């Protein structure tokens, strides 16, 4: 399981445990593999799937799976809202 989980989080407020899977790019099969890990493991309450480049719209339309997908648009908005835009620009200069 450890190789399938990039970040293991525990919310101090809700005491819910979540795992985050991060990909630079992914297709639907990669997403389904991560989803299977989440669904087969009772340790986690939530899953976040974060990807910079998503090649299949079905990944973004998966609300029925219980997975929160953070695709390129939402990732960009979160980066800006967190005040990380200058950091990101400097990192890629």
PDB file of N, CA and C in Angstrom:
ATOM      1  N   UNK A   1       0.820  -1.201   0.000  1.00  0.00           N
ATOM      2  CA  UNK A   1       0.000   0.000   0.000  1.00  0.00           C
ATOM      3  C   UNK A   1       0.857   1.256   0.000  1.00  0.00           C
ATOM      4  N   UNK A   2       1.965   1.250   0.704  1.00  0.00           N
ATOM      5  CA  UNK A   2       2.796   2.440   0.827  1.00  0.00           C
ATOM      6  C   UNK A   2       3.231   2.976  -0.529  1.00  0.00           C
ATOM      7  N   UNK A   3       3.502   2.101  -1.493  1.00  0.00           N
ATOM      8  CA  UNK A   3       3.930   2.563  -2.807  1.00  0.00           C
ATOM      9  C   UNK A   3       2.784   3.195  -3.589  1.00  0.00           C
ATOM     10  N   UNK A   4       1.544   2.938  -3.184  1.00  0.00           N
ATOM     11  CA  UNK A   4       0.374   3.480  -3.864  1.00  0.00           C
ATOM     12  C   UNK A   4      -0.092   4.806  -3.286  1.00  0.00           C
ATOM     13  N   UNK A   5       0.461   5.224  -2.167  1.00  0.00           N
ATOM     14  CA  UNK A   5       0.009   6.425  -1.477  1.00  0.00           C
ATOM     15  C   UNK A   5       1.146   7.443  -1.448  1.00  0.00           C
ATOM     16  N   UNK A   6       0.897   8.632  -2.022  1.00  0.00           N
ATOM     17  CA  UNK A   6       1.924   9.673  -2.007  1.00  0.00           C
ATOM     18  C   UNK A   6       1.907  10.454  -0.698  1.00  0.00           C
ATOM     19  N   UNK A   7       0.708  10.763  -0.195  1.00  0.00           N
ATOM     20  CA  UNK A   7       0.577  11.477   1.077  1.00  0.00           C
ATOM     21  C   UNK A   7      -0.522  10.804   1.890  1.00  0.00           C
ATOM     22  N   UNK A   8      -0.239  10.550   3.153  1.00  0.00           N
ATOM     23  CA  UNK A   8      -1.210   9.974   4.088  1.00  0.00           C
ATOM     24  C   UNK A   8      -1.568  11.079   5.076  1.00  0.00           C
ATOM     25  N   UNK A   9      -2.840  11.501   5.080  1.00  0.00           N
ATOM     26  CA  UNK A   9      -3.241  12.642   5.907  1.00  0.00           C
ATOM     27  C   UNK A   9      -4.263  12.215   6.960  1.00  0.00           C
ATOM     28  N   UNK A  10      -4.205  12.868   8.108  1.00  0.00           N
ATOM     29  CA  UNK A  10      -5.205  12.690   9.153  1.00  0.00           C
ATOM     30  C   UNK A  10      -5.709  14.065   9.550  1.00  0.00           C
ATOM     31  N   UNK A  11      -7.019  14.292   9.406  1.00  0.00           N
ATOM     32  CA  UNK A  11      -7.597  15.580   9.764  1.00  0.00           C
ATOM     33  C   UNK A  11      -7.725  15.676  11.276  1.00  0.00           C
ATOM     34  N   UNK A  12      -7.122  16.691  11.885  1.00  0.00           N
ATOM     35  CA  UNK A  12      -7.217  16.821  13.338  1.00  0.00           C
ATOM     36  C   UNK A  12      -8.619  17.229  13.796  1.00  0.00           C
ATOM     37  N   UNK A  13      -9.413  17.786  12.881  1.00  0.00           N
ATOM     38  CA  UNK A  13     -10.757  18.232  13.235  1.00  0.00           C
ATOM     39  C   UNK A  13     -11.766  17.091  13.143  1.00  0.00           C
ATOM     40  N   UNK A  14     -11.741  16.359  12.026  1.00  0.00           N
ATOM     41  CA  UNK A  14     -12.739  15.301  11.802  1.00  0.00           C
ATOM     42  C   UNK A  14     -12.223  13.913  12.160  1.00  0.00           C
ATOM     43  N   UNK A  15     -10.916  13.796  12.333  1.00  0.00           N
ATOM     44  CA  UNK A  15     -10.262  12.516  12.580  1.00  0.00           C
ATOM     45  C   UNK A  15     -10.438  11.541  11.407  1.00  0.00           C
ATOM     46  N   UNK A  16     -10.705  12.100  10.218  1.00  0.00           N
ATOM     47  CA  UNK A  16     -10.793  11.281   9.015  1.00  0.00           C
ATOM     48  C   UNK A  16      -9.403  11.135   8.415  1.00  0.00           C
ATOM     49  N   UNK A  17      -9.164   9.972   7.864  1.00  0.00           N
ATOM     50  CA  UNK A  17      -7.878   9.693   7.236  1.00  0.00           C
ATOM     51  C   UNK A  17      -8.072   9.676   5.726  1.00  0.00           C
ATOM     52  N   UNK A  18      -7.152  10.311   5.026  1.00  0.00           N
ATOM     53  CA  UNK A  18      -7.231  10.381   3.574  1.00  0.00           C
ATOM     54  C   UNK A  18      -5.871  10.108   2.969  1.00  0.00           C
ATOM     55  N   UNK A  19      -5.900   9.609   1.736  1.00  0.00           N
ATOM     56  CA  UNK A  19      -4.636   9.526   1.034  1.00  0.00           C
ATOM     57  C   UNK A  19      -4.715  10.337  -0.247  1.00  0.00           C
ATOM     58  N   UNK A  20      -3.543  10.823  -0.633  1.00  0.00           N
ATOM     59  CA  UNK A  20      -3.421  11.656  -1.813  1.00  0.00           C
ATOM     60  C   UNK A  20      -2.537  10.927  -2.806  1.00  0.00           C
ATOM     61  N   UNK A  21      -3.020  10.813  -4.025  1.00  0.00           N
ATOM     62  CA  UNK A  21      -2.231  10.254  -5.118  1.00  0.00           C
ATOM     63  C   UNK A  21      -1.926  11.400  -6.064  1.00  0.00           C
ATOM     64  N   UNK A  22      -0.655  11.638  -6.350  1.00  0.00           N
ATOM     65  CA  UNK A  22      -0.230  12.754  -7.184  1.00  0.00           C
ATOM     66  C   UNK A  22       0.433  12.212  -8.448  1.00  0.00           C
ATOM     67  N   UNK A  23      -0.028  12.726  -9.585  1.00  0.00           N
ATOM     68  CA  UNK A  23       0.531  12.331 -10.885  1.00  0.00           C
ATOM     69  C   UNK A  23       0.806  13.587 -11.698  1.00  0.00           C
ATOM     70  N   UNK A  24       1.893  13.586 -12.439  1.00  0.00           N
ATOM     71  CA  UNK A  24       2.119  14.706 -13.349  1.00  0.00           C
ATOM     72  C   UNK A  24       1.164  14.593 -14.530  1.00  0.00           C
ATOM     73  N   UNK A  25       0.953  13.380 -15.004  1.00  0.00           N
ATOM     74  CA  UNK A  25      -0.031  13.138 -16.052  1.00  0.00           C
ATOM     75  C   UNK A  25      -0.626  11.758 -15.828  1.00  0.00           C
ATOM     76  N   UNK A  26      -1.851  11.580 -16.326  1.00  0.00           N
ATOM     77  CA  UNK A  26      -2.480  10.280 -16.121  1.00  0.00           C
ATOM     78  C   UNK A  26      -3.551  10.038 -17.170  1.00  0.00           C
ATOM     79  N   UNK A  27      -3.828   8.757 -17.370  1.00  0.00           N
ATOM     80  CA  UNK A  27      -4.939   8.363 -18.211  1.00  0.00           C
ATOM     81  C   UNK A  27      -5.959   7.649 -17.322  1.00  0.00           C
ATOM     82  N   UNK A  28      -7.026   7.186 -17.909  1.00  0.00           N
ATOM     83  CA  UNK A  28      -8.114   6.597 -17.129  1.00  0.00           C
ATOM     84  C   UNK A  28      -7.685   5.325 -16.408  1.00  0.00           C
ATOM     85  N   UNK A  29      -6.841   4.518 -17.030  1.00  0.00           N
ATOM     86  CA  UNK A  29      -6.380   3.281 -16.391  1.00  0.00           C
ATOM     87  C   UNK A  29      -5.575   3.562 -15.122  1.00  0.00           C
ATOM     88  N   UNK A  30      -4.733   4.585 -15.157  1.00  0.00           N
ATOM     89  CA  UNK A  30      -3.946   4.957 -13.976  1.00  0.00           C
ATOM     90  C   UNK A  30      -4.888   5.400 -12.860  1.00  0.00           C
ATOM     91  N   UNK A  31      -5.895   6.198 -13.215  1.00  0.00           N
ATOM     92  CA  UNK A  31      -6.874   6.629 -12.221  1.00  0.00           C
ATOM     93  C   UNK A  31      -7.602   5.423 -11.623  1.00  0.00           C
ATOM     94  N   UNK A  32      -8.027   4.492 -12.471  1.00  0.00           N
ATOM     95  CA  UNK A  32      -8.756   3.318 -11.976  1.00  0.00           C
ATOM     96  C   UNK A  32      -7.907   2.473 -11.036  1.00  0.00           C
ATOM     97  N   UNK A  33      -6.611   2.387 -11.281  1.00  0.00           N
ATOM     98  CA  UNK A  33      -5.712   1.655 -10.380  1.00  0.00           C
ATOM     99  C   UNK A  33      -5.697   2.298  -8.997  1.00  0.00           C
ATOM    100  N   UNK A  34      -5.594   3.618  -8.956  1.00  0.00           N
ATOM    101  CA  UNK A  34      -5.603   4.333  -7.672  1.00  0.00           C
ATOM    102  C   UNK A  34      -6.951   4.200  -6.988  1.00  0.00           C
ATOM    103  N   UNK A  35      -8.019   4.270  -7.748  1.00  0.00           N
ATOM    104  CA  UNK A  35      -9.359   4.123  -7.202  1.00  0.00           C
ATOM    105  C   UNK A  35      -9.537   2.741  -6.578  1.00  0.00           C
ATOM    106  N   UNK A  36      -9.014   1.715  -7.218  1.00  0.00           N
ATOM    107  CA  UNK A  36      -9.111   0.352  -6.685  1.00  0.00           C
ATOM    108  C   UNK A  36      -8.387   0.225  -5.352  1.00  0.00           C
ATOM    109  N   UNK A  37      -7.226   0.881  -5.231  1.00  0.00           N
ATOM    110  CA  UNK A  37      -6.495   0.862  -3.958  1.00  0.00           C
ATOM    111  C   UNK A  37      -7.347   1.496  -2.867  1.00  0.00           C
ATOM    112  N   UNK A  38      -7.945   2.636  -3.174  1.00  0.00           N
ATOM    113  CA  UNK A  38      -8.797   3.334  -2.208  1.00  0.00           C
ATOM    114  C   UNK A  38      -9.995   2.482  -1.812  1.00  0.00           C
ATOM    115  N   UNK A  39     -10.677   1.925  -2.775  1.00  0.00           N
ATOM    116  CA  UNK A  39     -11.893   1.168  -2.502  1.00  0.00           C
ATOM    117  C   UNK A  39     -11.634  -0.156  -1.791  1.00  0.00           C
ATOM    118  N   UNK A  40     -10.438  -0.687  -1.937  1.00  0.00           N
ATOM    119  CA  UNK A  40     -10.130  -1.973  -1.307  1.00  0.00           C
ATOM    120  C   UNK A  40      -9.498  -1.828   0.072  1.00  0.00           C
ATOM    121  N   UNK A  41      -9.342  -0.583   0.530  1.00  0.00           N
ATOM    122  CA  UNK A  41      -8.651  -0.359   1.791  1.00  0.00           C
ATOM    123  C   UNK A  41      -9.557   0.405   2.747  1.00  0.00           C
ATOM    124  N   UNK A  42      -9.923  -0.201   3.839  1.00  0.00           N
ATOM    125  CA  UNK A  42     -10.839   0.423   4.796  1.00  0.00           C
ATOM    126  C   UNK A  42     -10.143   1.408   5.744  1.00  0.00           C
ATOM    127  N   UNK A  43      -8.853   1.566   5.618  1.00  0.00           N
ATOM    128  CA  UNK A  43      -8.107   2.478   6.477  1.00  0.00           C
ATOM    129  C   UNK A  43      -8.444   3.939   6.158  1.00  0.00           C
ATOM    130  N   UNK A  44      -8.739   4.218   4.889  1.00  0.00           N
ATOM    131  CA  UNK A  44      -8.936   5.592   4.446  1.00  0.00           C
ATOM    132  C   UNK A  44     -10.410   5.934   4.283  1.00  0.00           C
ATOM    133  N   UNK A  45     -10.758   7.150   4.738  1.00  0.00           N
ATOM    134  CA  UNK A  45     -12.109   7.665   4.578  1.00  0.00           C
ATOM    135  C   UNK A  45     -12.270   8.433   3.267  1.00  0.00           C
ATOM    136  N   UNK A  46     -11.211   9.096   2.839  1.00  0.00           N
ATOM    137  CA  UNK A  46     -11.255   9.950   1.655  1.00  0.00           C
ATOM    138  C   UNK A  46     -10.013   9.743   0.804  1.00  0.00           C
ATOM    139  N   UNK A  47     -10.158  10.122  -0.470  1.00  0.00           N
ATOM    140  CA  UNK A  47      -9.022  10.072  -1.393  1.00  0.00           C
ATOM    141  C   UNK A  47      -9.023  11.335  -2.234  1.00  0.00           C
ATOM    142  N   UNK A  48      -7.824  11.870  -2.449  1.00  0.00           N
ATOM    143  CA  UNK A  48      -7.626  13.000  -3.341  1.00  0.00           C
ATOM    144  C   UNK A  48      -6.699  12.545  -4.462  1.00  0.00           C
ATOM    145  N   UNK A  49      -7.119  12.765  -5.684  1.00  0.00           N
ATOM    146  CA  UNK A  49      -6.323  12.417  -6.858  1.00  0.00           C
ATOM    147  C   UNK A  49      -5.942  13.720  -7.538  1.00  0.00           C
ATOM    148  N   UNK A  50      -4.645  14.025  -7.538  1.00  0.00           N
ATOM    149  CA  UNK A  50      -4.143  15.300  -8.045  1.00  0.00           C
ATOM    150  C   UNK A  50      -3.296  15.032  -9.283  1.00  0.00           C
ATOM    151  N   UNK A  51      -3.636  15.723 -10.383  1.00  0.00           N
ATOM    152  CA  UNK A  51      -2.869  15.522 -11.620  1.00  0.00           C
ATOM    153  C   UNK A  51      -2.771  16.824 -12.391  1.00  0.00           C
ATOM    154  N   UNK A  52      -1.574  17.106 -12.880  1.00  0.00           N
ATOM    155  CA  UNK A  52      -1.334  18.306 -13.681  1.00  0.00           C
ATOM    156  C   UNK A  52      -1.946  18.174 -15.069  1.00  0.00           C
ATOM    157  N   UNK A  53      -1.830  16.994 -15.665  1.00  0.00           N
ATOM    158  CA  UNK A  53      -2.346  16.751 -17.011  1.00  0.00           C
ATOM    159  C   UNK A  53      -3.225  15.512 -16.967  1.00  0.00           C
ATOM    160  N   UNK A  54      -4.484  15.682 -17.349  1.00  0.00           N
ATOM    161  CA  UNK A  54      -5.449  14.578 -17.349  1.00  0.00           C
ATOM    162  C   UNK A  54      -5.898  14.349 -18.784  1.00  0.00           C
ATOM    163  N   UNK A  55      -5.677  13.134 -19.288  1.00  0.00           N
ATOM    164  CA  UNK A  55      -5.947  12.855 -20.697  1.00  0.00           C
ATOM    165  C   UNK A  55      -7.354  12.339 -20.965  1.00  0.00           C
ATOM    166  N   UNK A  56      -8.142  12.139 -19.935  1.00  0.00           N
ATOM    167  CA  UNK A  56      -9.482  11.565 -20.124  1.00  0.00           C
ATOM    168  C   UNK A  56     -10.481  12.296 -19.237  1.00  0.00           C
ATOM    169  N   UNK A  57     -11.484  12.884 -19.834  1.00  0.00           N
ATOM    170  CA  UNK A  57     -12.498  13.663 -19.127  1.00  0.00           C
ATOM    171  C   UNK A  57     -13.232  12.836 -18.071  1.00  0.00           C
ATOM    172  N   UNK A  58     -13.317  11.534 -18.250  1.00  0.00           N
ATOM    173  CA  UNK A  58     -14.023  10.681 -17.281  1.00  0.00           C
ATOM    174  C   UNK A  58     -13.421  10.793 -15.887  1.00  0.00           C
ATOM    175  N   UNK A  59     -12.144  11.086 -15.805  1.00  0.00           N
ATOM    176  CA  UNK A  59     -11.495  11.239 -14.498  1.00  0.00           C
ATOM    177  C   UNK A  59     -12.084  12.433 -13.755  1.00  0.00           C
ATOM    178  N   UNK A  60     -12.318  13.516 -14.468  1.00  0.00           N
ATOM    179  CA  UNK A  60     -12.865  14.721 -13.853  1.00  0.00           C
ATOM    180  C   UNK A  60     -14.340  14.578 -13.500  1.00  0.00           C
ATOM    181  N   UNK A  61     -15.024  13.636 -14.137  1.00  0.00           N
ATOM    182  CA  UNK A  61     -16.459  13.427 -13.924  1.00  0.00           C
ATOM    183  C   UNK A  61     -16.725  12.204 -13.064  1.00  0.00           C
ATOM    184  N   UNK A  62     -15.969  12.041 -11.984  1.00  0.00           N
ATOM    185  CA  UNK A  62     -16.056  10.800 -11.203  1.00  0.00           C
ATOM    186  C   UNK A  62     -16.596  11.028  -9.798  1.00  0.00           C
ATOM    187  N   UNK A  63     -17.474  11.989  -9.635  1.00  0.00           N
ATOM    188  CA  UNK A  63     -17.942  12.327  -8.285  1.00  0.00           C
ATOM    189  C   UNK A  63     -18.620  11.155  -7.588  1.00  0.00           C
ATOM    190  N   UNK A  64     -19.172  10.227  -8.333  1.00  0.00           N
ATOM    191  CA  UNK A  64     -19.833   9.081  -7.705  1.00  0.00           C
ATOM    192  C   UNK A  64     -18.856   8.121  -7.038  1.00  0.00           C
ATOM    193  N   UNK A  65     -17.582   8.249  -7.301  1.00  0.00           N
ATOM    194  CA  UNK A  65     -16.587   7.356  -6.705  1.00  0.00           C
ATOM    195  C   UNK A  65     -16.212   7.778  -5.293  1.00  0.00           C
ATOM    196  N   UNK A  66     -16.527   9.003  -4.912  1.00  0.00           N
ATOM    197  CA  UNK A  66     -16.132   9.508  -3.603  1.00  0.00           C
ATOM    198  C   UNK A  66     -14.725  10.065  -3.578  1.00  0.00           C
ATOM    199  N   UNK A  67     -14.093  10.142  -4.732  1.00  0.00           N
ATOM    200  CA  UNK A  67     -12.737  10.666  -4.839  1.00  0.00           C
ATOM    201  C   UNK A  67     -12.806  12.136  -5.229  1.00  0.00           C
ATOM    202  N   UNK A  68     -12.011  12.961  -4.561  1.00  0.00           N
ATOM    203  CA  UNK A  68     -11.905  14.364  -4.948  1.00  0.00           C
ATOM    204  C   UNK A  68     -10.769  14.479  -5.953  1.00  0.00           C
ATOM    205  N   UNK A  69     -11.116  14.843  -7.180  1.00  0.00           N
ATOM    206  CA  UNK A  69     -10.119  14.992  -8.234  1.00  0.00           C
ATOM    207  C   UNK A  69      -9.729  16.453  -8.344  1.00  0.00           C
ATOM    208  N   UNK A  70      -8.436  16.698  -8.311  1.00  0.00           N
ATOM    209  CA  UNK A  70      -7.908  18.047  -8.482  1.00  0.00           C
ATOM    210  C   UNK A  70      -7.110  18.042  -9.775  1.00  0.00           C
ATOM    211  N   UNK A  71      -7.744  18.559 -10.817  1.00  0.00           N
ATOM    212  CA  UNK A  71      -7.133  18.624 -12.140  1.00  0.00           C
ATOM    213  C   UNK A  71      -6.406  19.934 -12.338  1.00  0.00           C
ATOM    214  N   UNK A  72      -5.967  20.207 -13.569  1.00  0.00           N
ATOM    215  CA  UNK A  72      -5.120  21.369 -13.827  1.00  0.00           C
ATOM    216  C   UNK A  72      -5.750  22.707 -13.446  1.00  0.00           C
ATOM    217  N   UNK A  73      -7.027  22.908 -13.738  1.00  0.00           N
ATOM    218  CA  UNK A  73      -7.654  24.196 -13.435  1.00  0.00           C
ATOM    219  C   UNK A  73      -7.756  24.420 -11.931  1.00  0.00           C
ATOM    220  N   UNK A  74      -8.215  23.409 -11.222  1.00  0.00           N
ATOM    221  CA  UNK A  74      -8.347  23.541  -9.765  1.00  0.00           C
ATOM    222  C   UNK A  74      -6.968  23.640  -9.115  1.00  0.00           C
ATOM    223  N   UNK A  75      -6.003  22.898  -9.617  1.00  0.00           N
ATOM    224  CA  UNK A  75      -4.638  22.954  -9.093  1.00  0.00           C
ATOM    225  C   UNK A  75      -4.057  24.361  -9.263  1.00  0.00           C
ATOM    226  N   UNK A  76      -4.309  24.978 -10.419  1.00  0.00           N
ATOM    227  CA  UNK A  76      -3.832  26.342 -10.656  1.00  0.00           C
ATOM    228  C   UNK A  76      -4.494  27.314  -9.684  1.00  0.00           C
ATOM    229  N   UNK A  77      -5.801  27.172  -9.495  1.00  0.00           N
ATOM    230  CA  UNK A  77      -6.513  28.065  -8.573  1.00  0.00           C
ATOM    231  C   UNK A  77      -6.008  27.903  -7.143  1.00  0.00           C
ATOM    232  N   UNK A  78      -5.787  26.671  -6.718  1.00  0.00           N
ATOM    233  CA  UNK A  78      -5.277  26.425  -5.366  1.00  0.00           C
ATOM    234  C   UNK A  78      -3.877  27.000  -5.185  1.00  0.00           C
ATOM    235  N   UNK A  79      -3.064  26.902  -6.222  1.00  0.00           N
ATOM    236  CA  UNK A  79      -1.704  27.451  -6.184  1.00  0.00           C
ATOM    237  C   UNK A  79      -1.743  28.963  -5.979  1.00  0.00           C
ATOM    238  N   UNK A  80      -2.619  29.624  -6.733  1.00  0.00           N
ATOM    239  CA  UNK A  80      -2.751  31.080  -6.622  1.00  0.00           C
ATOM    240  C   UNK A  80      -3.316  31.452  -5.255  1.00  0.00           C
ATOM    241  N   UNK A  81      -4.374  30.763  -4.826  1.00  0.00           N
ATOM    242  CA  UNK A  81      -5.006  31.076  -3.539  1.00  0.00           C
ATOM    243  C   UNK A  81      -4.069  30.862  -2.356  1.00  0.00           C
ATOM    244  N   UNK A  82      -3.140  29.934  -2.502  1.00  0.00           N
ATOM    245  CA  UNK A  82      -2.193  29.663  -1.423  1.00  0.00           C
ATOM    246  C   UNK A  82      -1.018  30.643  -1.435  1.00  0.00           C
ATOM    247  N   UNK A  83      -1.006  31.549  -2.407  1.00  0.00           N
ATOM    248  CA  UNK A  83       0.081  32.524  -2.479  1.00  0.00           C
ATOM    249  C   UNK A  83       1.372  31.942  -3.027  1.00  0.00           C
ATOM    250  N   UNK A  84       1.272  30.885  -3.824  1.00  0.00           N
ATOM    251  CA  UNK A  84       2.466  30.208  -4.321  1.00  0.00           C
ATOM    252  C   UNK A  84       2.816  30.552  -5.770  1.00  0.00           C
ATOM    253  N   UNK A  85       2.140  31.545  -6.342  1.00  0.00           N
ATOM    254  CA  UNK A  85       2.385  31.870  -7.744  1.00  0.00           C
ATOM    255  C   UNK A  85       3.819  32.342  -7.966  1.00  0.00           C
ATOM    256  N   UNK A  86       4.309  33.250  -7.132  1.00  0.00           N
ATOM    257  CA  UNK A  86       5.696  33.716  -7.286  1.00  0.00           C
ATOM    258  C   UNK A  86       6.681  32.567  -7.138  1.00  0.00           C
ATOM    259  N   UNK A  87       6.446  31.687  -6.184  1.00  0.00           N
ATOM    260  CA  UNK A  87       7.318  30.514  -5.981  1.00  0.00           C
ATOM    261  C   UNK A  87       7.326  29.642  -7.225  1.00  0.00           C
ATOM    262  N   UNK A  88       6.131  29.418  -7.796  1.00  0.00           N
ATOM    263  CA  UNK A  88       6.025  28.573  -8.980  1.00  0.00           C
ATOM    264  C   UNK A  88       6.743  29.182 -10.184  1.00  0.00           C
ATOM    265  N   UNK A  89       6.594  30.485 -10.365  1.00  0.00           N
ATOM    266  CA  UNK A  89       7.266  31.170 -11.471  1.00  0.00           C
ATOM    267  C   UNK A  89       8.777  31.081 -11.308  1.00  0.00           C
ATOM    268  N   UNK A  90       9.270  31.344 -10.112  1.00  0.00           N
ATOM    269  CA  UNK A  90      10.721  31.286  -9.873  1.00  0.00           C
ATOM    270  C   UNK A  90      11.262  29.875 -10.060  1.00  0.00           C
ATOM    271  N   UNK A  91      10.466  28.881  -9.679  1.00  0.00           N
ATOM    272  CA  UNK A  91      10.901  27.484  -9.801  1.00  0.00           C
ATOM    273  C   UNK A  91      11.102  27.085 -11.263  1.00  0.00           C
ATOM    274  N   UNK A  92      10.342  27.699 -12.159  1.00  0.00           N
ATOM    275  CA  UNK A  92      10.406  27.319 -13.566  1.00  0.00           C
ATOM    276  C   UNK A  92      11.153  28.315 -14.449  1.00  0.00           C
ATOM    277  N   UNK A  93      11.895  29.220 -13.839  1.00  0.00           N
ATOM    278  CA  UNK A  93      12.715  30.176 -14.618  1.00  0.00           C
ATOM    279  C   UNK A  93      13.998  29.529 -15.053  1.00  0.00           C
TER     280      UNK A  93
END
